[in-house]
Amino acid sequence: MDGIFNINKATGMTSHDVVAKIRKLLKEKRAGHAGTLDPAASGVLPICVGQGTRVAQYLSERGKAYQAKIIFGAATDTYDAEGAITHTASTAELTLSKIEETLPHFAGPQLQVPPPYSAIKLQGQPAYKRARAGEQIALEPRPIVIYALEVIDWTPPCLTLVIECSKGTYIRSLARDLGLQLGCYAYLEDLVRTRSGPFLLAESITLEQLAEAVATDTVRRYLYPVDLALEKYPALIVDAEIAEGVKHGNAFRIPAGRPQGVAPTMDNPTGRPQGFAPTIDDLVRVYDASGNLLAIAEWDEEHEAWQPKKVFATSENSGEDDS
């Protein structure tokens, strides 16, 4: 089974708990999540299975969206409601207008310091383990982007925000930093991930629903194709001769005049999209004429050719019946 499930993770479960449950349900060893979601948070957690695990890194790079409840007037050591309160302050002078004036300060590209109680590894050990042992943790700031911040409710001292951000953004750190900026402390009380890449909360399923689908042999209705994680990259359709080479990891060019279906149009001798200047980060999805995903390829400037970066097995060349 190859693809991606859009799981609505319940609070109290780690992302690894969800992966372990799905491995057991599907009897599938190859499973992994695309972007950790804290145990106290709920919402969208994409789970990649089979060959889907090979695109998890690309899915993790996609933007995410959250609905967050932030409590002002106190700080905790974990930056959320599960931690011990370390400081308190009055919120008597805190108003919605002050909050709205401050929010633009947190929009756009910036450096953010992750919480000490996080899964980031220091000398091979998760930071949260060292923090729980009483060690003073100092994590390096990391580049993030916050695309949008919108207030949807203000019931003092609770602020509810809708947030769109890049991978690597810690909403707990955002809550803590917002409180410090306003001079009254704050921590994250509740967090729901409403989107991860193309996956929406409204279209997600619970583990209970997945288990029922497994029991009734209808699980594939909830399985999204592997290439959904790659939809932001241009698609290139190659003929049978080139496809055979791609299956073996061979670099290729698209000769002028050779029939092919492509998106965007590729009509030059080297097979580069018109007006497209690839960089090291530019990739294309490669398909055969039957629509099978063959590979993710990147442009090799030195050899002026597309070089397969990851090659995917198809039912044709793997000998598996995926019907």
C-alpha atoms as a PDB file:
ATOM      1  CA  MET A   1       0.000   0.000   0.000  1.00  0.00           C
ATOM      2  CA  ASP A   2       1.520   3.297  -1.135  1.00  0.00           C
ATOM      3  CA  GLY A   3       0.167   6.749  -0.355  1.00  0.00           C
ATOM      4  CA  ILE A   4      -0.725   9.253   2.343  1.00  0.00           C
ATOM      5  CA  PHE A   5      -3.466   9.317   4.966  1.00  0.00           C
ATOM      6  CA  ASN A   6      -4.841  12.600   6.319  1.00  0.00           C
ATOM      7  CA  ILE A   7      -5.209  11.735  10.001  1.00  0.00           C
ATOM      8  CA  ASN A   8      -6.934  13.902  12.613  1.00  0.00           C
ATOM      9  CA  LYS A   9      -4.674  13.285  15.594  1.00  0.00           C
ATOM     10  CA  ALA A  10      -6.350  13.330  18.998  1.00  0.00           C
ATOM     11  CA  THR A  11      -4.805  15.134  21.961  1.00  0.00           C
ATOM     12  CA  GLY A  12      -2.733  12.996  24.289  1.00  0.00           C
ATOM     13  CA  MET A  13      -1.063  11.021  21.507  1.00  0.00           C
ATOM     14  CA  THR A  14       2.431  11.584  20.183  1.00  0.00           C
ATOM     15  CA  SER A  15       2.995  11.592  16.442  1.00  0.00           C
ATOM     16  CA  HIS A  16       4.941   8.365  16.909  1.00  0.00           C
ATOM     17  CA  ASP A  17       1.926   6.818  18.686  1.00  0.00           C
ATOM     18  CA  VAL A  18      -0.166   7.484  15.586  1.00  0.00           C
ATOM     19  CA  VAL A  19       2.451   5.965  13.284  1.00  0.00           C
ATOM     20  CA  ALA A  20       2.710   2.854  15.472  1.00  0.00           C
ATOM     21  CA  LYS A  21      -1.068   2.444  15.497  1.00  0.00           C
ATOM     22  CA  ILE A  22      -1.280   2.691  11.717  1.00  0.00           C
ATOM     23  CA  ARG A  23       1.569   0.242  11.214  1.00  0.00           C
ATOM     24  CA  LYS A  24      -0.368  -2.244  13.310  1.00  0.00           C
ATOM     25  CA  LEU A  25      -3.709  -1.565  11.613  1.00  0.00           C
ATOM     26  CA  LEU A  26      -2.334  -1.879   8.097  1.00  0.00           C
ATOM     27  CA  LYS A  27       0.325  -4.485   8.868  1.00  0.00           C
ATOM     28  CA  GLU A  28       2.679  -2.113   7.089  1.00  0.00           C
ATOM     29  CA  LYS A  29       6.195  -1.530   8.418  1.00  0.00           C
ATOM     30  CA  ARG A  30       6.877   1.418   6.118  1.00  0.00           C
ATOM     31  CA  ALA A  31       4.994   4.272   7.729  1.00  0.00           C
ATOM     32  CA  GLY A  32       5.960   7.703   9.009  1.00  0.00           C
ATOM     33  CA  HIS A  33       4.519  11.122   9.726  1.00  0.00           C
ATOM     34  CA  ALA A  34       5.187  14.340   7.822  1.00  0.00           C
ATOM     35  CA  GLY A  35       5.697  16.969  10.512  1.00  0.00           C
ATOM     36  CA  THR A  36       5.545  16.358  14.263  1.00  0.00           C
ATOM     37  CA  LEU A  37       2.449  17.466  16.157  1.00  0.00           C
ATOM     38  CA  ASP A  38       2.845  17.876  19.935  1.00  0.00           C
ATOM     39  CA  PRO A  39       0.901  15.446  22.177  1.00  0.00           C
ATOM     40  CA  ALA A  40      -1.181  18.323  23.594  1.00  0.00           C
ATOM     41  CA  ALA A  41      -2.167  19.453  20.087  1.00  0.00           C
ATOM     42  CA  SER A  42      -4.728  17.924  17.760  1.00  0.00           C
ATOM     43  CA  GLY A  43      -5.536  18.100  14.083  1.00  0.00           C
ATOM     44  CA  VAL A  44      -3.981  17.263  10.746  1.00  0.00           C
ATOM     45  CA  LEU A  45      -1.110  14.771  10.802  1.00  0.00           C
ATOM     46  CA  PRO A  46      -0.270  13.358   7.352  1.00  0.00           C
ATOM     47  CA  ILE A  47       0.875   9.735   7.603  1.00  0.00           C
ATOM     48  CA  CYS A  48       2.878   8.359   4.690  1.00  0.00           C
ATOM     49  CA  VAL A  49       2.858   4.610   4.018  1.00  0.00           C
ATOM     50  CA  GLY A  50       4.786   2.400   1.628  1.00  0.00           C
ATOM     51  CA  GLN A  51       6.491   4.468  -1.035  1.00  0.00           C
ATOM     52  CA  GLY A  52       4.727   7.482   0.426  1.00  0.00           C
ATOM     53  CA  THR A  53       7.445   7.569   3.088  1.00  0.00           C
ATOM     54  CA  ARG A  54       9.874   8.644   0.383  1.00  0.00           C
ATOM     55  CA  VAL A  55       8.054  11.950  -0.148  1.00  0.00           C
ATOM     56  CA  ALA A  56       7.495  12.809   3.521  1.00  0.00           C
ATOM     57  CA  GLN A  57      10.337  15.341   3.445  1.00  0.00           C
ATOM     58  CA  TYR A  58       8.704  17.242   0.586  1.00  0.00           C
ATOM     59  CA  LEU A  59       5.347  17.262   2.332  1.00  0.00           C
ATOM     60  CA  SER A  60       6.972  18.600   5.502  1.00  0.00           C
ATOM     61  CA  GLU A  61       8.288  21.562   3.521  1.00  0.00           C
ATOM     62  CA  ARG A  62       4.781  22.727   2.707  1.00  0.00           C
ATOM     63  CA  GLY A  63       3.116  25.428   4.794  1.00  0.00           C
ATOM     64  CA  LYS A  64       0.882  24.729   7.757  1.00  0.00           C
ATOM     65  CA  ALA A  65      -2.096  26.429   9.404  1.00  0.00           C
ATOM     66  CA  TYR A  66      -3.275  26.399  13.012  1.00  0.00           C
ATOM     67  CA  GLN A  67      -5.958  27.684  15.327  1.00  0.00           C
ATOM     68  CA  ALA A  68      -4.356  28.599  18.637  1.00  0.00           C
ATOM     69  CA  LYS A  69      -5.713  29.693  22.008  1.00  0.00           C
ATOM     70  CA  ILE A  70      -3.249  31.828  23.947  1.00  0.00           C
ATOM     71  CA  ILE A  71      -3.635  32.759  27.616  1.00  0.00           C
ATOM     72  CA  PHE A  72      -2.079  36.041  28.770  1.00  0.00           C
ATOM     73  CA  GLY A  73      -0.924  36.850  32.287  1.00  0.00           C
ATOM     74  CA  ALA A  74       1.325  33.853  32.967  1.00  0.00           C
ATOM     75  CA  ALA A  75       4.353  32.035  31.583  1.00  0.00           C
ATOM     76  CA  THR A  76       5.157  28.316  31.874  1.00  0.00           C
ATOM     77  CA  ASP A  77       8.413  26.423  31.500  1.00  0.00           C
ATOM     78  CA  THR A  78       7.064  24.444  28.536  1.00  0.00           C
ATOM     79  CA  TYR A  79       5.359  27.478  26.952  1.00  0.00           C
ATOM     80  CA  ASP A  80       2.021  25.620  27.077  1.00  0.00           C
ATOM     81  CA  ALA A  81      -0.683  24.623  29.553  1.00  0.00           C
ATOM     82  CA  GLU A  82       1.101  21.412  30.555  1.00  0.00           C
ATOM     83  CA  GLY A  83       4.052  23.199  32.120  1.00  0.00           C
ATOM     84  CA  ALA A  84       4.644  24.733  35.528  1.00  0.00           C
ATOM     85  CA  ILE A  85       3.903  28.441  35.901  1.00  0.00           C
ATOM     86  CA  THR A  86       7.133  30.418  36.189  1.00  0.00           C
ATOM     87  CA  HIS A  87       5.878  34.031  36.064  1.00  0.00           C
ATOM     88  CA  THR A  88       2.622  35.952  36.349  1.00  0.00           C
ATOM     89  CA  ALA A  89       1.585  39.497  35.472  1.00  0.00           C
ATOM     90  CA  SER A  90      -1.520  41.658  35.349  1.00  0.00           C
ATOM     91  CA  THR A  91      -3.484  41.861  32.095  1.00  0.00           C
ATOM     92  CA  ALA A  92      -5.655  44.780  33.271  1.00  0.00           C
ATOM     93  CA  GLU A  93      -4.229  47.105  30.610  1.00  0.00           C
ATOM     94  CA  LEU A  94      -4.138  44.556  27.811  1.00  0.00           C
ATOM     95  CA  THR A  95      -6.596  45.411  25.046  1.00  0.00           C
ATOM     96  CA  LEU A  96      -7.444  43.981  21.658  1.00  0.00           C
ATOM     97  CA  SER A  97      -6.114  47.092  19.952  1.00  0.00           C
ATOM     98  CA  LYS A  98      -2.705  46.621  21.635  1.00  0.00           C
ATOM     99  CA  ILE A  99      -2.634  43.013  20.510  1.00  0.00           C
ATOM    100  CA  GLU A 100      -3.553  43.935  16.929  1.00  0.00           C
ATOM    101  CA  GLU A 101      -0.863  46.609  16.888  1.00  0.00           C
ATOM    102  CA  THR A 102       1.722  44.061  18.024  1.00  0.00           C
ATOM    103  CA  LEU A 103       0.849  41.140  15.747  1.00  0.00           C
ATOM    104  CA  PRO A 104       2.482  42.602  12.577  1.00  0.00           C
ATOM    105  CA  HIS A 105       5.789  42.468  14.460  1.00  0.00           C
ATOM    106  CA  PHE A 106       5.571  38.668  14.233  1.00  0.00           C
ATOM    107  CA  ALA A 107       4.645  38.457  10.552  1.00  0.00           C
ATOM    108  CA  GLY A 108       7.069  37.552   7.775  1.00  0.00           C
ATOM    109  CA  PRO A 109      10.539  35.948   7.769  1.00  0.00           C
ATOM    110  CA  GLN A 110      12.228  35.903  11.170  1.00  0.00           C
ATOM    111  CA  LEU A 111      14.387  33.936  13.590  1.00  0.00           C
ATOM    112  CA  GLN A 112      12.550  32.021  16.298  1.00  0.00           C
ATOM    113  CA  VAL A 113      13.997  30.272  19.354  1.00  0.00           C
ATOM    114  CA  PRO A 114      12.352  26.837  19.820  1.00  0.00           C
ATOM    115  CA  PRO A 115      10.997  25.842  23.247  1.00  0.00           C
ATOM    116  CA  PRO A 116      13.472  24.043  25.528  1.00  0.00           C
ATOM    117  CA  TYR A 117      10.876  21.269  25.866  1.00  0.00           C
ATOM    118  CA  SER A 118      11.029  20.217  22.213  1.00  0.00           C
ATOM    119  CA  ALA A 119      12.149  17.202  20.197  1.00  0.00           C
ATOM    120  CA  ILE A 120      15.125  19.049  18.730  1.00  0.00           C
ATOM    121  CA  LYS A 121      18.225  16.986  19.396  1.00  0.00           C
ATOM    122  CA  LEU A 122      21.291  18.255  21.232  1.00  0.00           C
ATOM    123  CA  GLN A 123      24.303  15.944  21.033  1.00  0.00           C
ATOM    124  CA  GLY A 124      21.944  13.196  19.907  1.00  0.00           C
ATOM    125  CA  GLN A 125      19.440  13.602  22.759  1.00  0.00           C
ATOM    126  CA  PRO A 126      16.039  15.340  22.531  1.00  0.00           C
ATOM    127  CA  ALA A 127      16.076  18.740  24.228  1.00  0.00           C
ATOM    128  CA  TYR A 128      12.999  17.916  26.313  1.00  0.00           C
ATOM    129  CA  LYS A 129      14.776  15.010  28.002  1.00  0.00           C
ATOM    130  CA  ARG A 130      17.644  17.237  29.019  1.00  0.00           C
ATOM    131  CA  ALA A 131      15.228  19.947  30.183  1.00  0.00           C
ATOM    132  CA  ARG A 132      13.296  17.440  32.298  1.00  0.00           C
ATOM    133  CA  ALA A 133      16.570  16.401  33.894  1.00  0.00           C
ATOM    134  CA  GLY A 134      16.992  19.979  35.100  1.00  0.00           C
ATOM    135  CA  GLU A 135      19.532  21.099  32.527  1.00  0.00           C
ATOM    136  CA  GLN A 136      19.364  24.692  31.309  1.00  0.00           C
ATOM    137  CA  ILE A 137      18.702  24.448  27.575  1.00  0.00           C
ATOM    138  CA  ALA A 138      19.792  27.129  25.118  1.00  0.00           C
ATOM    139  CA  LEU A 139      18.586  26.352  21.592  1.00  0.00           C
ATOM    140  CA  GLU A 140      19.767  28.311  18.581  1.00  0.00           C
ATOM    141  CA  PRO A 141      17.199  30.490  16.773  1.00  0.00           C
ATOM    142  CA  ARG A 142      15.940  29.065  13.496  1.00  0.00           C
ATOM    143  CA  PRO A 143      14.594  30.809  10.389  1.00  0.00           C
ATOM    144  CA  ILE A 144      10.826  30.611   9.966  1.00  0.00           C
ATOM    145  CA  VAL A 145       8.121  32.506   8.099  1.00  0.00           C
ATOM    146  CA  ILE A 146       4.719  33.488   9.471  1.00  0.00           C
ATOM    147  CA  TYR A 147       2.475  34.241   6.516  1.00  0.00           C
ATOM    148  CA  ALA A 148      -0.689  35.294   8.314  1.00  0.00           C
ATOM    149  CA  LEU A 149      -1.968  36.075  11.821  1.00  0.00           C
ATOM    150  CA  GLU A 150      -5.678  36.720  12.290  1.00  0.00           C
ATOM    151  CA  VAL A 151      -7.600  37.315  15.506  1.00  0.00           C
ATOM    152  CA  ILE A 152     -10.881  35.405  15.561  1.00  0.00           C
ATOM    153  CA  ASP A 153     -11.762  35.873  19.231  1.00  0.00           C
ATOM    154  CA  TRP A 154     -10.663  37.936  22.233  1.00  0.00           C
ATOM    155  CA  THR A 155     -12.188  36.954  25.549  1.00  0.00           C
ATOM    156  CA  PRO A 156      -9.710  38.309  28.100  1.00  0.00           C
ATOM    157  CA  PRO A 157      -7.302  36.847  28.956  1.00  0.00           C
ATOM    158  CA  CYS A 158      -7.751  34.341  26.086  1.00  0.00           C
ATOM    159  CA  LEU A 159      -6.829  35.186  22.503  1.00  0.00           C
ATOM    160  CA  THR A 160      -7.738  32.877  19.619  1.00  0.00           C
ATOM    161  CA  LEU A 161      -5.593  33.220  16.509  1.00  0.00           C
ATOM    162  CA  VAL A 162      -5.538  31.686  13.048  1.00  0.00           C
ATOM    163  CA  ILE A 163      -1.927  31.256  11.962  1.00  0.00           C
ATOM    164  CA  GLU A 164      -0.368  30.302   8.625  1.00  0.00           C
ATOM    165  CA  CYS A 165       3.336  29.552   8.791  1.00  0.00           C
ATOM    166  CA  SER A 166       6.310  27.670   7.420  1.00  0.00           C
ATOM    167  CA  LYS A 167       7.666  24.362   8.628  1.00  0.00           C
ATOM    168  CA  GLY A 168       9.709  24.578  11.800  1.00  0.00           C
ATOM    169  CA  THR A 169       7.464  27.192  13.418  1.00  0.00           C
ATOM    170  CA  TYR A 170       6.669  26.573  17.083  1.00  0.00           C
ATOM    171  CA  ILE A 171       3.325  28.091  18.038  1.00  0.00           C
ATOM    172  CA  ARG A 172       4.314  27.680  21.703  1.00  0.00           C
ATOM    173  CA  SER A 173       7.270  29.991  21.108  1.00  0.00           C
ATOM    174  CA  LEU A 174       5.032  32.436  19.258  1.00  0.00           C
ATOM    175  CA  ALA A 175       2.662  32.549  22.245  1.00  0.00           C
ATOM    176  CA  ARG A 176       5.508  33.068  24.681  1.00  0.00           C
ATOM    177  CA  ASP A 177       7.162  35.772  22.535  1.00  0.00           C
ATOM    178  CA  LEU A 178       3.851  37.576  22.017  1.00  0.00           C
ATOM    179  CA  GLY A 179       3.337  37.722  25.782  1.00  0.00           C
ATOM    180  CA  LEU A 180       6.834  39.103  26.342  1.00  0.00           C
ATOM    181  CA  GLN A 181       6.349  41.709  23.629  1.00  0.00           C
ATOM    182  CA  LEU A 182       3.114  42.868  25.302  1.00  0.00           C
ATOM    183  CA  GLY A 183       4.737  42.842  28.728  1.00  0.00           C
ATOM    184  CA  CYS A 184       2.362  40.450  30.455  1.00  0.00           C
ATOM    185  CA  TYR A 185       3.563  36.913  29.636  1.00  0.00           C
ATOM    186  CA  ALA A 186       1.552  34.277  27.766  1.00  0.00           C
ATOM    187  CA  TYR A 187       1.405  30.552  27.072  1.00  0.00           C
ATOM    188  CA  LEU A 188      -0.341  28.296  24.579  1.00  0.00           C
ATOM    189  CA  GLU A 189      -3.485  26.718  25.995  1.00  0.00           C
ATOM    190  CA  ASP A 190      -4.840  24.821  22.988  1.00  0.00           C
ATOM    191  CA  LEU A 191      -3.652  24.116  19.441  1.00  0.00           C
ATOM    192  CA  VAL A 192      -5.381  22.591  16.430  1.00  0.00           C
ATOM    193  CA  ARG A 193      -3.555  22.106  13.148  1.00  0.00           C
ATOM    194  CA  THR A 194      -6.109  22.910  10.470  1.00  0.00           C
ATOM    195  CA  ARG A 195      -3.880  22.346   7.438  1.00  0.00           C
ATOM    196  CA  SER A 196      -0.615  20.639   6.573  1.00  0.00           C
ATOM    197  CA  GLY A 197       0.377  21.208   2.971  1.00  0.00           C
ATOM    198  CA  PRO A 198      -2.635  20.222   0.834  1.00  0.00           C
ATOM    199  CA  PHE A 199      -4.346  18.315   3.665  1.00  0.00           C
ATOM    200  CA  LEU A 200      -7.248  20.007   5.444  1.00  0.00           C
ATOM    201  CA  LEU A 201      -8.797  19.264   8.827  1.00  0.00           C
ATOM    202  CA  ALA A 202     -12.273  19.145   7.257  1.00  0.00           C
ATOM    203  CA  GLU A 203     -11.138  16.228   5.071  1.00  0.00           C
ATOM    204  CA  SER A 204      -9.218  14.314   7.751  1.00  0.00           C
ATOM    205  CA  ILE A 205     -10.215  11.063   9.443  1.00  0.00           C
ATOM    206  CA  THR A 206      -9.675   9.784  12.974  1.00  0.00           C
ATOM    207  CA  LEU A 207      -7.803   6.618  13.833  1.00  0.00           C
ATOM    208  CA  GLU A 208     -11.153   5.086  14.778  1.00  0.00           C
ATOM    209  CA  GLN A 209     -12.516   5.809  11.298  1.00  0.00           C
ATOM    210  CA  LEU A 210      -9.399   4.342   9.729  1.00  0.00           C
ATOM    211  CA  ALA A 211      -9.727   1.197  11.840  1.00  0.00           C
ATOM    212  CA  GLU A 212     -13.349   0.820  10.724  1.00  0.00           C
ATOM    213  CA  ALA A 213     -12.287   1.259   7.084  1.00  0.00           C
ATOM    214  CA  VAL A 214      -9.651  -1.460   7.513  1.00  0.00           C
ATOM    215  CA  ALA A 215     -12.259  -3.784   9.007  1.00  0.00           C
ATOM    216  CA  THR A 216     -14.659  -3.183   6.092  1.00  0.00           C
ATOM    217  CA  ASP A 217     -11.916  -3.312   3.440  1.00  0.00           C
ATOM    218  CA  THR A 218     -12.626   0.285   2.343  1.00  0.00           C
ATOM    219  CA  VAL A 219      -9.368   1.812   3.528  1.00  0.00           C
ATOM    220  CA  ARG A 220      -8.159   2.799   0.064  1.00  0.00           C
ATOM    221  CA  ARG A 221     -10.903   5.388  -0.228  1.00  0.00           C
ATOM    222  CA  TYR A 222      -8.958   7.432   2.321  1.00  0.00           C
ATOM    223  CA  LEU A 223      -5.529   6.894   0.745  1.00  0.00           C
ATOM    224  CA  TYR A 224      -4.171   9.888  -1.182  1.00  0.00           C
ATOM    225  CA  PRO A 225      -1.644   9.346  -3.997  1.00  0.00           C
ATOM    226  CA  VAL A 226       2.060   9.741  -3.330  1.00  0.00           C
ATOM    227  CA  ASP A 227       2.446  12.599  -5.798  1.00  0.00           C
ATOM    228  CA  LEU A 228       0.005  14.819  -3.910  1.00  0.00           C
ATOM    229  CA  ALA A 229       2.993  15.728  -1.751  1.00  0.00           C
ATOM    230  CA  LEU A 230       4.802  16.910  -4.889  1.00  0.00           C
ATOM    231  CA  GLU A 231       2.053  18.918  -6.562  1.00  0.00           C
ATOM    232  CA  LYS A 232       3.928  22.230  -6.289  1.00  0.00           C
ATOM    233  CA  TYR A 233       6.621  20.917  -8.645  1.00  0.00           C
ATOM    234  CA  PRO A 234       6.150  20.979 -12.449  1.00  0.00           C
ATOM    235  CA  ALA A 235       5.103  17.705 -14.058  1.00  0.00           C
ATOM    236  CA  LEU A 236       7.029  16.159 -16.957  1.00  0.00           C
ATOM    237  CA  ILE A 237       5.634  13.282 -19.027  1.00  0.00           C
ATOM    238  CA  VAL A 238       8.202  11.240 -20.915  1.00  0.00           C
ATOM    239  CA  ASP A 239       7.891   8.654 -23.688  1.00  0.00           C
ATOM    240  CA  ALA A 240       8.487   4.936 -23.270  1.00  0.00           C
ATOM    241  CA  GLU A 241      12.182   5.040 -24.230  1.00  0.00           C
ATOM    242  CA  ILE A 242      13.076   7.747 -21.708  1.00  0.00           C
ATOM    243  CA  ALA A 243      10.783   6.210 -19.077  1.00  0.00           C
ATOM    244  CA  GLU A 244      12.734   2.949 -19.213  1.00  0.00           C
ATOM    245  CA  GLY A 245      15.944   4.821 -18.509  1.00  0.00           C
ATOM    246  CA  VAL A 246      14.392   6.830 -15.701  1.00  0.00           C
ATOM    247  CA  LYS A 247      13.336   3.600 -13.977  1.00  0.00           C
ATOM    248  CA  HIS A 248      17.030   2.744 -13.739  1.00  0.00           C
ATOM    249  CA  GLY A 249      18.030   6.198 -12.481  1.00  0.00           C
ATOM    250  CA  ASN A 250      19.494   7.380 -15.794  1.00  0.00           C
ATOM    251  CA  ALA A 251      19.762  11.087 -16.566  1.00  0.00           C
ATOM    252  CA  PHE A 252      17.767  12.276 -19.567  1.00  0.00           C
ATOM    253  CA  ARG A 253      17.117  15.139 -21.960  1.00  0.00           C
ATOM    254  CA  ILE A 254      14.019  15.817 -24.026  1.00  0.00           C
ATOM    255  CA  PRO A 255      15.013  16.014 -27.718  1.00  0.00           C
ATOM    256  CA  ALA A 256      13.247  18.659 -29.782  1.00  0.00           C
ATOM    257  CA  GLY A 257      10.290  17.359 -31.745  1.00  0.00           C
ATOM    258  CA  ARG A 258       9.842  14.211 -29.702  1.00  0.00           C
ATOM    259  CA  PRO A 259       6.182  13.803 -28.602  1.00  0.00           C
ATOM    260  CA  GLN A 260       5.605  14.402 -24.932  1.00  0.00           C
ATOM    261  CA  GLY A 261       2.987  15.855 -22.658  1.00  0.00           C
ATOM    262  CA  VAL A 262       4.389  18.296 -20.177  1.00  0.00           C
ATOM    263  CA  ALA A 263       3.426  20.931 -17.635  1.00  0.00           C
ATOM    264  CA  PRO A 264       4.705  23.558 -18.090  1.00  0.00           C
ATOM    265  CA  THR A 265       5.373  23.330 -21.849  1.00  0.00           C
ATOM    266  CA  MET A 266       8.852  22.109 -22.646  1.00  0.00           C
ATOM    267  CA  ASP A 267       9.839  22.822 -26.225  1.00  0.00           C
ATOM    268  CA  ASN A 268      13.595  23.275 -26.193  1.00  0.00           C
ATOM    269  CA  PRO A 269      16.358  20.768 -27.003  1.00  0.00           C
ATOM    270  CA  THR A 270      17.468  20.213 -23.410  1.00  0.00           C
ATOM    271  CA  GLY A 271      14.025  19.707 -21.976  1.00  0.00           C
ATOM    272  CA  ARG A 272      14.069  22.770 -19.719  1.00  0.00           C
ATOM    273  CA  PRO A 273      10.764  24.628 -19.237  1.00  0.00           C
ATOM    274  CA  GLN A 274      10.651  27.792 -21.305  1.00  0.00           C
ATOM    275  CA  GLY A 275      11.805  30.744 -19.229  1.00  0.00           C
ATOM    276  CA  PHE A 276      12.780  28.378 -16.418  1.00  0.00           C
ATOM    277  CA  ALA A 277      16.212  28.701 -14.815  1.00  0.00           C
ATOM    278  CA  PRO A 278      16.596  25.742 -12.443  1.00  0.00           C
ATOM    279  CA  THR A 279      18.493  26.096  -9.186  1.00  0.00           C
ATOM    280  CA  ILE A 280      19.613  23.388  -6.820  1.00  0.00           C
ATOM    281  CA  ASP A 281      16.149  23.430  -5.251  1.00  0.00           C
ATOM    282  CA  ASP A 282      14.186  23.064  -8.488  1.00  0.00           C
ATOM    283  CA  LEU A 283      12.591  19.681  -9.085  1.00  0.00           C
ATOM    284  CA  VAL A 284      10.133  18.100 -11.498  1.00  0.00           C
ATOM    285  CA  ARG A 285       7.804  15.138 -11.214  1.00  0.00           C
ATOM    286  CA  VAL A 286       8.433  12.592 -13.959  1.00  0.00           C
ATOM    287  CA  TYR A 287       5.579  10.432 -15.315  1.00  0.00           C
ATOM    288  CA  ASP A 288       5.246   7.857 -18.043  1.00  0.00           C
ATOM    289  CA  ALA A 289       2.525   8.065 -20.691  1.00  0.00           C
ATOM    290  CA  SER A 290       0.173   6.014 -18.494  1.00  0.00           C
ATOM    291  CA  GLY A 291       0.379   8.538 -15.664  1.00  0.00           C
ATOM    292  CA  ASN A 292       2.604   6.467 -13.375  1.00  0.00           C
ATOM    293  CA  LEU A 293       4.926   8.516 -11.173  1.00  0.00           C
ATOM    294  CA  LEU A 294       8.433   7.436 -12.117  1.00  0.00           C
ATOM    295  CA  ALA A 295      10.725   9.807 -10.272  1.00  0.00           C
ATOM    296  CA  ILE A 296      11.545  13.157  -8.787  1.00  0.00           C
ATOM    297  CA  ALA A 297      14.274  14.709 -10.931  1.00  0.00           C
ATOM    298  CA  GLU A 298      16.507  17.745 -10.567  1.00  0.00           C
ATOM    299  CA  TRP A 299      18.281  19.773 -13.211  1.00  0.00           C
ATOM    300  CA  ASP A 300      21.992  19.007 -13.661  1.00  0.00           C
ATOM    301  CA  GLU A 301      23.443  22.264 -14.938  1.00  0.00           C
ATOM    302  CA  GLU A 302      26.840  20.757 -15.766  1.00  0.00           C
ATOM    303  CA  HIS A 303      25.456  18.033 -18.019  1.00  0.00           C
ATOM    304  CA  GLU A 304      22.331  19.936 -19.092  1.00  0.00           C
ATOM    305  CA  ALA A 305      20.075  17.031 -18.251  1.00  0.00           C
ATOM    306  CA  TRP A 306      17.450  15.963 -15.760  1.00  0.00           C
ATOM    307  CA  GLN A 307      18.859  13.641 -13.111  1.00  0.00           C
ATOM    308  CA  PRO A 308      16.442  11.363 -11.215  1.00  0.00           C
ATOM    309  CA  LYS A 309      16.754  12.135  -7.509  1.00  0.00           C
ATOM    310  CA  LYS A 310      14.316   9.496  -6.287  1.00  0.00           C
ATOM    311  CA  VAL A 311      12.918   6.693  -8.444  1.00  0.00           C
ATOM    312  CA  PHE A 312       9.573   5.125  -7.576  1.00  0.00           C
ATOM    313  CA  ALA A 313       8.543   1.557  -8.278  1.00  0.00           C
ATOM    314  CA  THR A 314       5.383   1.152 -10.345  1.00  0.00           C
ATOM    315  CA  SER A 315       3.082  -1.867 -10.456  1.00  0.00           C
ATOM    316  CA  GLU A 316       4.617  -2.551 -13.872  1.00  0.00           C
ATOM    317  CA  ASN A 317       8.242  -2.689 -12.789  1.00  0.00           C
ATOM    318  CA  SER A 318       7.816  -3.915  -9.231  1.00  0.00           C
ATOM    319  CA  GLY A 319       5.764  -6.964 -10.036  1.00  0.00           C
ATOM    320  CA  GLU A 320       3.150  -5.959  -7.434  1.00  0.00           C
ATOM    321  CA  ASP A 321      -0.556  -5.969  -8.041  1.00  0.00           C
ATOM    322  CA  ASP A 322      -1.834  -2.693  -6.589  1.00  0.00           C
ATOM    323  CA  SER A 323      -5.428  -3.114  -7.677  1.00  0.00           C
END
